[in-house]
Amino acid sequence: MSYTEIFGFDKTGDAYSAADIRNAFRGSMAIWMYLEGKYLPPYLPEYAKKIGIKTTEEFEQKKGYKSSRCMAITEQDAMKEIWDLVYSDTISETDKICLYTTFDNCLVRKENMPKLIK
């Protein structure tokens, strides 16, 4: 199971583990889907094209939900489109920071906490 580990710092500046938030993947998925909807064009999965679905509107009508790159398990490049937003000049600094925090081994420095909170 994934988790986010939060570190605190004592008065001497030494780090300590303050908390673990279990199943951090669920939060990451929500962020990825939000940013996908905000910055990327609608997504039509390859399997849908193979069964004759031609548009995202048709997909939603037939399947009853919106397609998402986050659900494209067999299409590795689909999620990469979302993750690559971190290199894009088209997304806001706030959204970029939020996206960065979903990546493995992300460390936020104390002086950057106000930007992260924003």
Protein backbone atom coordinates (compact mmCIF):
# COMPACT_ATOMS: atom_id res chain seq x y z
CA MET A 1 0.00 0.00 0.00
CA SER A 2 1.24 3.47 -0.77
CA TYR A 3 1.64 6.16 1.81
CA THR A 4 2.80 9.72 2.29
CA GLU A 5 5.27 10.25 5.09
CA ILE A 6 5.27 13.63 6.81
CA PHE A 7 8.42 14.75 8.58
CA GLY A 8 8.66 17.30 11.33
CA PHE A 9 11.75 19.13 12.50
CA ASP A 10 12.82 19.76 16.07
CA LYS A 11 14.37 23.00 17.33
CA THR A 12 17.85 21.83 16.34
CA GLY A 13 16.71 21.17 12.77
CA ASP A 14 16.75 17.37 13.01
CA ALA A 15 14.00 15.58 11.09
CA TYR A 16 11.64 13.05 12.63
CA SER A 17 8.75 11.05 11.22
CA ALA A 18 5.59 12.88 12.30
CA ALA A 19 2.90 10.90 10.48
CA ASP A 20 2.10 8.40 7.73
CA ILE A 21 -0.97 8.87 5.57
CA ARG A 22 -2.00 5.47 4.22
CA ASN A 23 -3.29 4.88 0.70
CA ALA A 24 -1.84 8.12 -0.64
CA PHE A 25 -2.46 6.73 -4.14
CA ARG A 26 -6.13 7.57 -3.81
CA GLY A 27 -5.27 11.25 -3.29
CA SER A 28 -2.78 11.18 -6.15
CA MET A 29 -5.37 9.71 -8.49
CA ALA A 30 -7.79 12.53 -7.63
CA ILE A 31 -5.11 15.12 -8.41
CA TRP A 32 -4.15 13.41 -11.68
CA MET A 33 -7.76 13.21 -12.85
CA TYR A 34 -8.40 16.84 -11.94
CA LEU A 35 -5.31 18.07 -13.81
CA GLU A 36 -6.12 15.84 -16.78
CA GLY A 37 -9.55 17.43 -17.06
CA LYS A 38 -8.17 20.94 -16.63
CA TYR A 39 -5.19 20.80 -18.99
CA LEU A 40 -5.46 17.90 -21.42
CA PRO A 41 -7.87 17.21 -24.26
CA PRO A 42 -10.53 14.52 -23.74
CA TYR A 43 -9.12 11.00 -23.89
CA LEU A 44 -10.40 8.09 -25.97
CA PRO A 45 -8.81 4.75 -24.99
CA GLU A 46 -7.34 2.52 -27.68
CA TYR A 47 -9.68 -0.37 -26.80
CA ALA A 48 -12.67 1.90 -27.42
CA LYS A 49 -11.39 2.73 -30.89
CA LYS A 50 -10.98 -1.01 -31.59
CA ILE A 51 -14.65 -1.64 -30.82
CA GLY A 52 -15.81 1.20 -33.05
CA ILE A 53 -16.26 4.06 -30.60
CA LYS A 54 -15.11 7.19 -32.38
CA THR A 55 -15.52 10.07 -29.90
CA THR A 56 -15.28 10.71 -26.17
CA GLU A 57 -18.94 11.75 -26.21
CA GLU A 58 -19.93 8.40 -27.73
CA PHE A 59 -17.75 6.63 -25.16
CA GLU A 60 -19.46 8.42 -22.27
CA GLN A 61 -22.91 7.72 -23.71
CA LYS A 62 -22.24 3.99 -24.22
CA LYS A 63 -20.17 3.32 -21.10
CA GLY A 64 -21.86 5.73 -18.68
CA TYR A 65 -18.68 7.43 -17.50
CA LYS A 66 -15.94 9.72 -18.84
CA SER A 67 -12.80 8.05 -20.08
CA SER A 68 -9.58 8.96 -18.29
CA ARG A 69 -5.91 8.39 -18.86
CA CYS A 70 -5.81 7.25 -15.23
CA MET A 71 -7.90 4.21 -16.14
CA ALA A 72 -5.79 3.24 -19.17
CA ILE A 73 -3.83 0.50 -17.41
CA THR A 74 -2.59 -1.12 -20.62
CA GLU A 75 -1.58 2.18 -22.24
CA GLN A 76 1.56 3.33 -20.43
CA ASP A 77 1.91 6.58 -22.37
CA ALA A 78 -1.55 7.70 -21.28
CA MET A 79 -0.55 8.39 -17.67
CA LYS A 80 2.75 9.85 -18.84
CA GLU A 81 0.77 12.63 -20.55
CA ILE A 82 -0.54 13.66 -17.14
CA TRP A 83 2.79 13.31 -15.35
CA ASP A 84 4.56 15.27 -18.10
CA LEU A 85 2.40 18.30 -17.29
CA VAL A 86 5.03 19.03 -14.66
CA TYR A 87 7.33 20.12 -17.53
CA SER A 88 4.67 22.23 -19.23
CA ASP A 89 4.58 26.01 -19.24
CA THR A 90 0.81 25.89 -19.69
CA ILE A 91 -0.04 24.86 -16.13
CA SER A 92 -0.06 27.16 -13.12
CA GLU A 93 2.76 27.08 -10.59
CA THR A 94 0.27 25.98 -7.94
CA ASP A 95 -0.91 23.02 -10.03
CA LYS A 96 2.67 22.12 -10.90
CA ILE A 97 3.63 22.03 -7.21
CA CYS A 98 0.58 19.92 -6.42
CA LEU A 99 1.47 17.48 -9.22
CA TYR A 100 5.08 17.23 -8.00
CA THR A 101 3.86 16.15 -4.57
CA THR A 102 2.26 13.04 -6.10
CA PHE A 103 5.63 11.76 -7.33
CA ASP A 104 7.75 9.26 -5.42
CA ASN A 105 10.51 10.71 -3.26
CA CYS A 106 9.14 14.25 -3.35
CA LEU A 107 10.58 16.37 -0.57
CA VAL A 108 9.16 19.80 0.22
CA ARG A 109 11.54 22.20 1.92
CA LYS A 110 10.29 24.17 4.91
CA GLU A 111 10.64 27.49 3.09
CA ASN A 112 8.38 26.17 0.29
CA MET A 113 5.54 25.03 2.57
CA PRO A 114 3.47 28.22 2.03
CA LYS A 115 3.51 27.60 -1.74
CA LEU A 116 2.56 23.95 -1.20
CA ILE A 117 -0.31 24.88 1.11
CA LYS A 118 -1.57 27.44 -1.41
